Amino acid sequence: MLTLDFAKLAKVAGNCPDVIPVAVQHADTKEMILVAYTNELAFKESIAKQSLVLWSTSRNELWEKGATSGQTYDLIEAFVNCEQNSLLYTVRPRAGGICHTSNQAGEPRNCYYRRVNFDTGELENVDP
């Protein structure tokens, strides 16, 4: 069911005011795999470790993507937009996928595995 969280940015701003969005793209496939947030600490950690380190807005803490699952990522490049209020990271998986969900075969997938059907407004799973 399509239930977009249009209040997410307001929640983030209230709980974690010093963050900016980060679009995360697979360096090899160019597939957009995640949108998350970073703050100054997470940004510096990402650069120093050359690893995907973000700021968890739900836990309000530093978050090295995949630290508990083993699905970690090399940070290949970091781009900043013209207004310097968002980033684009290109990453390469060391192992596994990026989303906390898996498909029916138990394989990891990226976070954008559902498509909106323009005719019905329903969600279609493109990686069941």
Protein backbone atom coordinates (compact mmCIF):
# COMPACT_ATOMS: atom_id res chain seq x y z
CA MET A 1 0.00 0.00 0.00
CA LEU A 2 1.29 3.47 -0.87
CA THR A 3 1.71 5.46 2.37
CA LEU A 4 4.31 8.15 1.70
CA ASP A 5 5.78 9.87 4.76
CA PHE A 6 5.47 13.52 3.77
CA ALA A 7 6.24 14.57 7.37
CA LYS A 8 9.68 12.89 7.41
CA LEU A 9 11.69 16.07 6.84
CA ALA A 10 9.84 17.92 9.58
CA LYS A 11 10.56 15.01 11.96
CA VAL A 12 14.21 14.98 10.96
CA ALA A 13 14.54 18.75 11.37
CA GLY A 14 12.98 18.56 14.83
CA ASN A 15 15.12 15.66 16.06
CA CYS A 16 18.34 16.12 14.07
CA PRO A 17 18.59 19.72 12.90
CA ASP A 18 22.18 19.57 11.64
CA VAL A 19 21.82 16.98 8.89
CA ILE A 20 21.66 17.05 5.11
CA PRO A 21 20.36 14.39 2.72
CA VAL A 22 22.69 11.98 0.96
CA ALA A 23 21.69 10.15 -2.21
CA VAL A 24 23.63 6.89 -2.43
CA GLN A 25 24.36 5.44 -5.85
CA HIS A 26 25.99 2.13 -6.81
CA ALA A 27 29.30 3.05 -8.46
CA ASP A 28 29.14 0.26 -11.05
CA THR A 29 25.46 0.00 -12.00
CA LYS A 30 24.59 3.70 -11.39
CA GLU A 31 21.46 2.44 -9.63
CA MET A 32 20.09 4.73 -6.90
CA ILE A 33 20.09 2.52 -3.84
CA LEU A 34 19.38 4.69 -0.82
CA VAL A 35 18.61 8.19 0.42
CA ALA A 36 19.80 8.88 3.95
CA TYR A 37 21.25 11.70 6.05
CA THR A 38 24.65 12.85 7.20
CA ASN A 39 25.95 15.40 9.64
CA GLU A 40 29.45 16.82 10.04
CA LEU A 41 30.63 13.89 12.16
CA ALA A 42 29.29 11.23 9.79
CA PHE A 43 30.66 13.09 6.77
CA LYS A 44 34.15 13.27 8.29
CA GLU A 45 33.99 9.57 9.25
CA SER A 46 32.95 8.62 5.71
CA ILE A 47 35.86 10.52 4.20
CA ALA A 48 38.40 9.25 6.76
CA LYS A 49 37.30 5.60 6.47
CA GLN A 50 36.30 5.80 2.80
CA SER A 51 33.26 3.85 3.91
CA LEU A 52 29.52 4.57 3.91
CA VAL A 53 28.94 6.22 7.28
CA LEU A 54 25.66 8.08 7.82
CA TRP A 55 23.64 9.68 10.60
CA SER A 56 20.65 7.64 11.78
CA THR A 57 17.80 10.10 12.24
CA SER A 58 15.65 7.44 13.93
CA ARG A 59 18.32 6.48 16.50
CA ASN A 60 20.08 9.88 16.51
CA GLU A 61 23.52 8.26 16.26
CA LEU A 62 26.41 7.55 13.94
CA TRP A 63 25.55 4.70 11.58
CA GLU A 64 28.10 2.75 9.54
CA LYS A 65 25.87 1.12 6.96
CA GLY A 66 26.12 -2.65 7.30
CA ALA A 67 28.18 -2.71 10.49
CA THR A 68 25.82 -5.26 12.06
CA SER A 69 24.71 -7.10 8.90
CA GLY A 70 28.12 -7.28 7.22
CA GLN A 71 26.75 -5.45 4.17
CA THR A 72 29.27 -2.60 4.17
CA TYR A 73 30.26 -0.22 1.38
CA ASP A 74 33.38 1.45 0.07
CA LEU A 75 32.91 5.17 -0.51
CA ILE A 76 34.21 5.75 -4.04
CA GLU A 77 33.30 9.43 -4.59
CA ALA A 78 31.41 12.21 -2.84
CA PHE A 79 29.73 15.02 -4.78
CA VAL A 80 28.15 18.16 -3.34
CA ASN A 81 25.28 20.07 -4.97
CA CYS A 82 25.48 23.74 -5.98
CA GLU A 83 23.82 24.98 -2.76
CA GLN A 84 25.98 22.70 -0.60
CA ASN A 85 22.92 21.30 1.17
CA SER A 86 22.96 17.72 -0.13
CA LEU A 87 25.47 15.09 -1.18
CA LEU A 88 25.70 12.27 -3.67
CA TYR A 89 27.86 9.34 -2.62
CA THR A 90 28.91 6.68 -5.08
CA VAL A 91 29.61 3.42 -3.27
CA ARG A 92 30.64 -0.12 -4.03
CA PRO A 93 29.24 -2.96 -1.90
CA ARG A 94 31.86 -5.09 -0.20
CA ALA A 95 29.21 -7.81 0.20
CA GLY A 96 25.44 -8.08 -0.06
CA GLY A 97 22.80 -5.48 -0.77
CA ILE A 98 21.76 -2.28 0.91
CA CYS A 99 18.16 -2.61 2.08
CA HIS A 100 17.12 -4.18 5.37
CA THR A 101 14.57 -6.20 3.36
CA SER A 102 15.27 -9.18 1.11
CA ASN A 103 13.44 -10.63 -1.86
CA GLN A 104 11.67 -14.01 -1.75
CA ALA A 105 14.92 -15.79 -2.63
CA GLY A 106 16.49 -14.24 0.50
CA GLU A 107 18.77 -12.03 -1.60
CA PRO A 108 19.46 -8.45 -0.54
CA ARG A 109 18.08 -5.72 -2.77
CA ASN A 110 18.23 -1.95 -2.94
CA CYS A 111 15.69 0.25 -1.16
CA TYR A 112 13.84 1.20 -4.35
CA TYR A 113 12.24 -2.16 -5.08
CA ARG A 114 8.65 -0.88 -5.41
CA ARG A 115 7.28 1.11 -8.33
CA VAL A 116 4.09 3.22 -8.36
CA ASN A 117 1.62 2.10 -11.01
CA PHE A 118 0.45 5.39 -12.55
CA ASP A 119 -2.91 3.93 -13.61
CA THR A 120 -3.94 2.40 -10.28
CA GLY A 121 -1.79 4.26 -7.74
CA GLU A 122 -0.82 0.86 -6.33
CA LEU A 123 2.70 -0.28 -5.51
CA GLU A 124 4.31 -2.97 -7.67
CA ASN A 125 7.17 -5.03 -6.27
CA VAL A 126 9.84 -5.17 -9.00
CA ASP A 127 12.10 -7.52 -6.96
CA PRO A 128 9.72 -9.93 -5.22
